[in-house]
Amino acid sequence: MLSLAHQIAVALAGIYLVAVVYSWQAIKYVLKPTVTLLIAYPTFNRPYSKISAGLLCSTLGDIFLMAPSQSMFIPGLLSFLAAHVLYIASFEAPLRLSWTAAPLAAFAASMACILWPGVTKEGIEVQLGVVVYILAITTMAFKATLTNVPMLVCGTLLFCISDAVLAYAKFIRLFAWSEFVVMLTYYMAQLCIAIVHS
């Protein structure tokens, strides 16, 4: 059973997705960080929760990436990178060899190859940031698979999809429905992770 905050978050996320379809910019600006904060709220019940801190970093990243100026991309990237590091630290599972390393490594390598032609047009700080980010999100998904918690695995894989689509749209080619797919998978990912830690 979803908490009240999560039920409201799901409802507002639905409105946000409608706003994406109809380009209601003002509604998007208001709802984007609001939904993430509502997803985070039930996790505040746990003291010193790394998941709570990660969700707050994600909220900050949401705000940075909404800014019309491209100068906010790096702060947004760093905010989400911090969130992924916090998530990795919060997933309680000893590191060990697992078959899941192979497909996730293939995903990381594929994303690097696909994005590189577009990323090389950016500054060195963006190039390094993208490489580190791909490693971080892949590590997060790998660590989640070691927990054997299906909701966490689902959430981190959805995050990989969301960020892959976002990066492709930014560095290679923007395509119809890219923002819709990014935000749908993003909110689903955050909700899956938060539910486990609420």
C-alpha atoms as a PDB file:
ATOM      1  CA  MET A   1       0.000   0.000   0.000  1.00  0.00           C
ATOM      2  CA  LEU A   2       1.430   3.347  -1.028  1.00  0.00           C
ATOM      3  CA  SER A   3       1.733   6.047   1.597  1.00  0.00           C
ATOM      4  CA  LEU A   4      -0.429   9.148   1.205  1.00  0.00           C
ATOM      5  CA  ALA A   5       2.589  11.173   0.072  1.00  0.00           C
ATOM      6  CA  HIS A   6       3.389   8.590  -2.577  1.00  0.00           C
ATOM      7  CA  GLN A   7      -0.223   8.483  -3.754  1.00  0.00           C
ATOM      8  CA  ILE A   8      -0.189  12.262  -4.173  1.00  0.00           C
ATOM      9  CA  ALA A   9       3.184  12.016  -5.927  1.00  0.00           C
ATOM     10  CA  VAL A  10       1.771   9.503  -8.421  1.00  0.00           C
ATOM     11  CA  ALA A  11      -1.220  11.741  -9.111  1.00  0.00           C
ATOM     12  CA  LEU A  12       0.933  14.840  -9.595  1.00  0.00           C
ATOM     13  CA  ALA A  13       3.392  12.889 -11.745  1.00  0.00           C
ATOM     14  CA  GLY A  14       0.450  12.020 -13.999  1.00  0.00           C
ATOM     15  CA  ILE A  15      -0.427  15.713 -14.269  1.00  0.00           C
ATOM     16  CA  TYR A  16       3.225  16.496 -14.972  1.00  0.00           C
ATOM     17  CA  LEU A  17       3.280  14.019 -17.861  1.00  0.00           C
ATOM     18  CA  VAL A  18       0.165  15.640 -19.307  1.00  0.00           C
ATOM     19  CA  ALA A  19       1.949  18.990 -18.976  1.00  0.00           C
ATOM     20  CA  VAL A  20       4.876  17.524 -20.929  1.00  0.00           C
ATOM     21  CA  VAL A  21       2.557  16.451 -23.755  1.00  0.00           C
ATOM     22  CA  TYR A  22       0.901  19.877 -23.956  1.00  0.00           C
ATOM     23  CA  SER A  23       4.034  21.926 -23.142  1.00  0.00           C
ATOM     24  CA  TRP A  24       2.541  23.593 -20.065  1.00  0.00           C
ATOM     25  CA  GLN A  25       5.861  25.017 -18.930  1.00  0.00           C
ATOM     26  CA  ALA A  26       4.659  26.765 -15.753  1.00  0.00           C
ATOM     27  CA  ILE A  27       3.046  23.563 -14.455  1.00  0.00           C
ATOM     28  CA  LYS A  28       6.196  21.591 -15.265  1.00  0.00           C
ATOM     29  CA  TYR A  29       8.376  24.036 -13.321  1.00  0.00           C
ATOM     30  CA  VAL A  30       6.147  23.735 -10.255  1.00  0.00           C
ATOM     31  CA  LEU A  31       5.545  19.981 -10.326  1.00  0.00           C
ATOM     32  CA  LYS A  32       8.934  18.551 -11.328  1.00  0.00           C
ATOM     33  CA  PRO A  33      10.735  19.082  -7.979  1.00  0.00           C
ATOM     34  CA  THR A  34       7.483  18.825  -6.008  1.00  0.00           C
ATOM     35  CA  VAL A  35       6.879  15.233  -7.116  1.00  0.00           C
ATOM     36  CA  THR A  36      10.428  14.207  -6.167  1.00  0.00           C
ATOM     37  CA  LEU A  37      10.062  15.818  -2.728  1.00  0.00           C
ATOM     38  CA  LEU A  38       6.781  13.959  -2.160  1.00  0.00           C
ATOM     39  CA  ILE A  39       8.482  10.698  -3.138  1.00  0.00           C
ATOM     40  CA  ALA A  40      11.227  11.526  -0.632  1.00  0.00           C
ATOM     41  CA  TYR A  41       8.939  12.518   2.254  1.00  0.00           C
ATOM     42  CA  PRO A  42       8.132   9.011   3.634  1.00  0.00           C
ATOM     43  CA  THR A  43      11.848   8.186   3.734  1.00  0.00           C
ATOM     44  CA  PHE A  44      12.417  10.959   6.280  1.00  0.00           C
ATOM     45  CA  ASN A  45      11.074   8.575   8.930  1.00  0.00           C
ATOM     46  CA  ARG A  46      14.476   6.887   8.939  1.00  0.00           C
ATOM     47  CA  PRO A  47      17.176   8.903  10.710  1.00  0.00           C
ATOM     48  CA  TYR A  48      20.283   9.750   8.658  1.00  0.00           C
ATOM     49  CA  SER A  49      18.846   7.994   5.606  1.00  0.00           C
ATOM     50  CA  LYS A  50      21.162   8.043   2.613  1.00  0.00           C
ATOM     51  CA  ILE A  51      18.104   7.489   0.425  1.00  0.00           C
ATOM     52  CA  SER A  52      16.530  10.681   1.797  1.00  0.00           C
ATOM     53  CA  ALA A  53      19.745  12.571   1.073  1.00  0.00           C
ATOM     54  CA  GLY A  54      19.857  11.073  -2.414  1.00  0.00           C
ATOM     55  CA  LEU A  55      16.298  12.122  -3.142  1.00  0.00           C
ATOM     56  CA  LEU A  56      17.051  15.651  -1.912  1.00  0.00           C
ATOM     57  CA  CYS A  57      20.070  15.747  -4.238  1.00  0.00           C
ATOM     58  CA  SER A  58      17.774  14.569  -7.033  1.00  0.00           C
ATOM     59  CA  THR A  59      15.334  17.370  -6.242  1.00  0.00           C
ATOM     60  CA  LEU A  60      18.188  19.847  -6.490  1.00  0.00           C
ATOM     61  CA  GLY A  61      19.183  18.259  -9.796  1.00  0.00           C
ATOM     62  CA  ASP A  62      15.610  18.633 -11.042  1.00  0.00           C
ATOM     63  CA  ILE A  63      15.758  22.346 -10.293  1.00  0.00           C
ATOM     64  CA  PHE A  64      19.157  22.823 -11.974  1.00  0.00           C
ATOM     65  CA  LEU A  65      18.107  20.967 -15.120  1.00  0.00           C
ATOM     66  CA  MET A  66      14.934  23.052 -15.429  1.00  0.00           C
ATOM     67  CA  ALA A  67      17.010  26.212 -15.773  1.00  0.00           C
ATOM     68  CA  PRO A  68      16.994  27.573 -19.339  1.00  0.00           C
ATOM     69  CA  SER A  69      20.739  28.243 -19.127  1.00  0.00           C
ATOM     70  CA  GLN A  70      23.022  25.400 -20.244  1.00  0.00           C
ATOM     71  CA  SER A  71      25.444  26.500 -17.513  1.00  0.00           C
ATOM     72  CA  MET A  72      23.281  24.612 -15.015  1.00  0.00           C
ATOM     73  CA  PHE A  73      23.860  21.241 -16.708  1.00  0.00           C
ATOM     74  CA  ILE A  74      27.049  20.475 -14.776  1.00  0.00           C
ATOM     75  CA  PRO A  75      25.513  21.328 -11.352  1.00  0.00           C
ATOM     76  CA  GLY A  76      22.533  19.160 -12.319  1.00  0.00           C
ATOM     77  CA  LEU A  77      24.815  16.317 -13.376  1.00  0.00           C
ATOM     78  CA  LEU A  78      26.783  16.567 -10.123  1.00  0.00           C
ATOM     79  CA  SER A  79      23.570  16.582  -8.063  1.00  0.00           C
ATOM     80  CA  PHE A  80      22.371  13.350  -9.632  1.00  0.00           C
ATOM     81  CA  LEU A  81      25.857  11.864  -9.420  1.00  0.00           C
ATOM     82  CA  ALA A  82      25.794  12.544  -5.668  1.00  0.00           C
ATOM     83  CA  ALA A  83      22.357  10.912  -5.482  1.00  0.00           C
ATOM     84  CA  HIS A  84      23.627   7.765  -7.190  1.00  0.00           C
ATOM     85  CA  VAL A  85      26.642   7.566  -4.879  1.00  0.00           C
ATOM     86  CA  LEU A  86      24.319   7.844  -1.881  1.00  0.00           C
ATOM     87  CA  TYR A  87      22.066   5.134  -3.300  1.00  0.00           C
ATOM     88  CA  ILE A  88      25.059   2.844  -3.856  1.00  0.00           C
ATOM     89  CA  ALA A  89      26.118   3.368  -0.236  1.00  0.00           C
ATOM     90  CA  SER A  90      22.598   2.661   1.029  1.00  0.00           C
ATOM     91  CA  PHE A  91      22.058  -0.660  -0.763  1.00  0.00           C
ATOM     92  CA  GLU A  92      23.034  -3.241   1.832  1.00  0.00           C
ATOM     93  CA  ALA A  93      24.761  -6.094   0.042  1.00  0.00           C
ATOM     94  CA  PRO A  94      28.374  -7.325   0.118  1.00  0.00           C
ATOM     95  CA  LEU A  95      30.233  -6.876  -3.149  1.00  0.00           C
ATOM     96  CA  ARG A  96      30.719 -10.142  -5.000  1.00  0.00           C
ATOM     97  CA  LEU A  97      30.972 -11.490  -8.509  1.00  0.00           C
ATOM     98  CA  SER A  98      27.622 -11.847 -10.253  1.00  0.00           C
ATOM     99  CA  TRP A  99      26.424 -12.666 -13.759  1.00  0.00           C
ATOM    100  CA  THR A 100      24.643  -9.299 -13.804  1.00  0.00           C
ATOM    101  CA  ALA A 101      28.016  -7.571 -14.213  1.00  0.00           C
ATOM    102  CA  ALA A 102      28.250  -8.665 -17.870  1.00  0.00           C
ATOM    103  CA  PRO A 103      25.006  -7.124 -19.215  1.00  0.00           C
ATOM    104  CA  LEU A 104      25.504  -3.966 -17.157  1.00  0.00           C
ATOM    105  CA  ALA A 105      29.077  -3.601 -18.419  1.00  0.00           C
ATOM    106  CA  ALA A 106      27.732  -4.051 -21.957  1.00  0.00           C
ATOM    107  CA  PHE A 107      25.158  -1.336 -21.266  1.00  0.00           C
ATOM    108  CA  ALA A 108      27.838   1.053 -19.979  1.00  0.00           C
ATOM    109  CA  ALA A 109      30.115   0.399 -22.955  1.00  0.00           C
ATOM    110  CA  SER A 110      27.249   0.778 -25.425  1.00  0.00           C
ATOM    111  CA  MET A 111      26.140   4.079 -23.906  1.00  0.00           C
ATOM    112  CA  ALA A 112      29.691   5.432 -23.982  1.00  0.00           C
ATOM    113  CA  CYS A 113      30.092   4.491 -27.659  1.00  0.00           C
ATOM    114  CA  ILE A 114      26.685   5.858 -28.683  1.00  0.00           C
ATOM    115  CA  LEU A 115      27.082   9.141 -26.814  1.00  0.00           C
ATOM    116  CA  TRP A 116      30.744   9.806 -27.555  1.00  0.00           C
ATOM    117  CA  PRO A 117      30.319  11.525 -30.959  1.00  0.00           C
ATOM    118  CA  GLY A 118      28.072  14.115 -29.324  1.00  0.00           C
ATOM    119  CA  VAL A 119      29.937  14.337 -26.032  1.00  0.00           C
ATOM    120  CA  THR A 120      33.253  15.110 -27.753  1.00  0.00           C
ATOM    121  CA  LYS A 121      31.724  18.394 -28.951  1.00  0.00           C
ATOM    122  CA  GLU A 122      31.414  19.476 -25.310  1.00  0.00           C
ATOM    123  CA  GLY A 123      34.070  20.723 -22.894  1.00  0.00           C
ATOM    124  CA  ILE A 124      36.390  18.372 -21.040  1.00  0.00           C
ATOM    125  CA  GLU A 125      34.386  18.778 -17.824  1.00  0.00           C
ATOM    126  CA  VAL A 126      31.256  17.449 -19.558  1.00  0.00           C
ATOM    127  CA  GLN A 127      33.189  14.586 -21.146  1.00  0.00           C
ATOM    128  CA  LEU A 128      34.618  13.488 -17.802  1.00  0.00           C
ATOM    129  CA  GLY A 129      31.280  13.996 -16.098  1.00  0.00           C
ATOM    130  CA  VAL A 130      29.461  11.759 -18.566  1.00  0.00           C
ATOM    131  CA  VAL A 131      32.040   8.955 -18.210  1.00  0.00           C
ATOM    132  CA  VAL A 132      31.910   9.090 -14.401  1.00  0.00           C
ATOM    133  CA  TYR A 133      28.120   9.285 -14.478  1.00  0.00           C
ATOM    134  CA  ILE A 134      27.790   6.193 -16.677  1.00  0.00           C
ATOM    135  CA  LEU A 135      30.086   4.282 -14.302  1.00  0.00           C
ATOM    136  CA  ALA A 136      28.120   5.478 -11.269  1.00  0.00           C
ATOM    137  CA  ILE A 137      24.670   4.571 -12.550  1.00  0.00           C
ATOM    138  CA  THR A 138      25.889   1.188 -13.768  1.00  0.00           C
ATOM    139  CA  THR A 139      27.490   0.511 -10.382  1.00  0.00           C
ATOM    140  CA  MET A 140      24.230   1.523  -8.696  1.00  0.00           C
ATOM    141  CA  ALA A 141      22.279  -0.979 -10.790  1.00  0.00           C
ATOM    142  CA  PHE A 142      24.869  -3.700 -10.126  1.00  0.00           C
ATOM    143  CA  LYS A 143      24.787  -3.080  -6.372  1.00  0.00           C
ATOM    144  CA  ALA A 144      20.978  -3.246  -6.463  1.00  0.00           C
ATOM    145  CA  THR A 145      21.080  -6.667  -8.124  1.00  0.00           C
ATOM    146  CA  LEU A 146      23.246  -7.935  -5.256  1.00  0.00           C
ATOM    147  CA  THR A 147      20.503  -7.080  -2.743  1.00  0.00           C
ATOM    148  CA  ASN A 148      18.054  -9.499  -4.390  1.00  0.00           C
ATOM    149  CA  VAL A 149      15.289  -6.949  -3.744  1.00  0.00           C
ATOM    150  CA  PRO A 150      13.173  -6.877  -6.928  1.00  0.00           C
ATOM    151  CA  MET A 151      11.845  -3.354  -6.303  1.00  0.00           C
ATOM    152  CA  LEU A 152      15.374  -1.960  -6.016  1.00  0.00           C
ATOM    153  CA  VAL A 153      16.524  -3.789  -9.128  1.00  0.00           C
ATOM    154  CA  CYS A 154      13.511  -2.499 -11.046  1.00  0.00           C
ATOM    155  CA  GLY A 155      14.091   1.054  -9.809  1.00  0.00           C
ATOM    156  CA  THR A 156      17.760   1.177 -10.744  1.00  0.00           C
ATOM    157  CA  LEU A 157      17.178  -0.352 -14.182  1.00  0.00           C
ATOM    158  CA  LEU A 158      14.449   2.216 -14.831  1.00  0.00           C
ATOM    159  CA  PHE A 159      16.956   4.888 -13.803  1.00  0.00           C
ATOM    160  CA  CYS A 160      19.403   3.515 -16.382  1.00  0.00           C
ATOM    161  CA  ILE A 161      16.723   3.735 -19.067  1.00  0.00           C
ATOM    162  CA  SER A 162      15.731   7.255 -18.036  1.00  0.00           C
ATOM    163  CA  ASP A 163      19.285   8.573 -18.046  1.00  0.00           C
ATOM    164  CA  ALA A 164      20.172   6.787 -21.286  1.00  0.00           C
ATOM    165  CA  VAL A 165      17.227   8.387 -23.100  1.00  0.00           C
ATOM    166  CA  LEU A 166      18.001  11.785 -21.538  1.00  0.00           C
ATOM    167  CA  ALA A 167      21.653  11.608 -22.594  1.00  0.00           C
ATOM    168  CA  TYR A 168      20.788  10.477 -26.119  1.00  0.00           C
ATOM    169  CA  ALA A 169      18.295  13.312 -26.520  1.00  0.00           C
ATOM    170  CA  LYS A 170      20.802  15.858 -25.229  1.00  0.00           C
ATOM    171  CA  PHE A 171      24.001  14.779 -26.968  1.00  0.00           C
ATOM    172  CA  ILE A 172      22.863  12.923 -30.097  1.00  0.00           C
ATOM    173  CA  ARG A 173      19.338  13.718 -31.242  1.00  0.00           C
ATOM    174  CA  LEU A 174      16.194  15.037 -29.606  1.00  0.00           C
ATOM    175  CA  PHE A 175      13.195  12.951 -30.598  1.00  0.00           C
ATOM    176  CA  ALA A 176       9.453  13.058 -30.052  1.00  0.00           C
ATOM    177  CA  TRP A 177       8.324  11.815 -26.646  1.00  0.00           C
ATOM    178  CA  SER A 178      11.862  11.752 -25.273  1.00  0.00           C
ATOM    179  CA  GLU A 179      10.968  13.990 -22.315  1.00  0.00           C
ATOM    180  CA  PHE A 180       7.843  11.921 -21.625  1.00  0.00           C
ATOM    181  CA  VAL A 181       9.837   8.669 -21.553  1.00  0.00           C
ATOM    182  CA  VAL A 182      12.593  10.238 -19.435  1.00  0.00           C
ATOM    183  CA  MET A 183      10.231  11.565 -16.780  1.00  0.00           C
ATOM    184  CA  LEU A 184       7.951   8.516 -16.692  1.00  0.00           C
ATOM    185  CA  THR A 185      10.873   6.157 -16.067  1.00  0.00           C
ATOM    186  CA  TYR A 186      12.552   8.654 -13.718  1.00  0.00           C
ATOM    187  CA  TYR A 187       9.572   8.996 -11.394  1.00  0.00           C
ATOM    188  CA  MET A 188       8.948   5.235 -11.469  1.00  0.00           C
ATOM    189  CA  ALA A 189      12.613   4.644 -10.599  1.00  0.00           C
ATOM    190  CA  GLN A 190      12.637   7.057  -7.684  1.00  0.00           C
ATOM    191  CA  LEU A 191       9.355   5.683  -6.366  1.00  0.00           C
ATOM    192  CA  CYS A 192      10.609   2.071  -6.463  1.00  0.00           C
ATOM    193  CA  ILE A 193      13.754   3.032  -4.545  1.00  0.00           C
ATOM    194  CA  ALA A 194      11.863   5.160  -2.012  1.00  0.00           C
ATOM    195  CA  ILE A 195       9.198   2.515  -1.311  1.00  0.00           C
ATOM    196  CA  VAL A 196      11.855   0.014  -0.222  1.00  0.00           C
ATOM    197  CA  HIS A 197      13.346   2.563   2.186  1.00  0.00           C
ATOM    198  CA  SER A 198      10.149   4.140   3.559  1.00  0.00           C
END
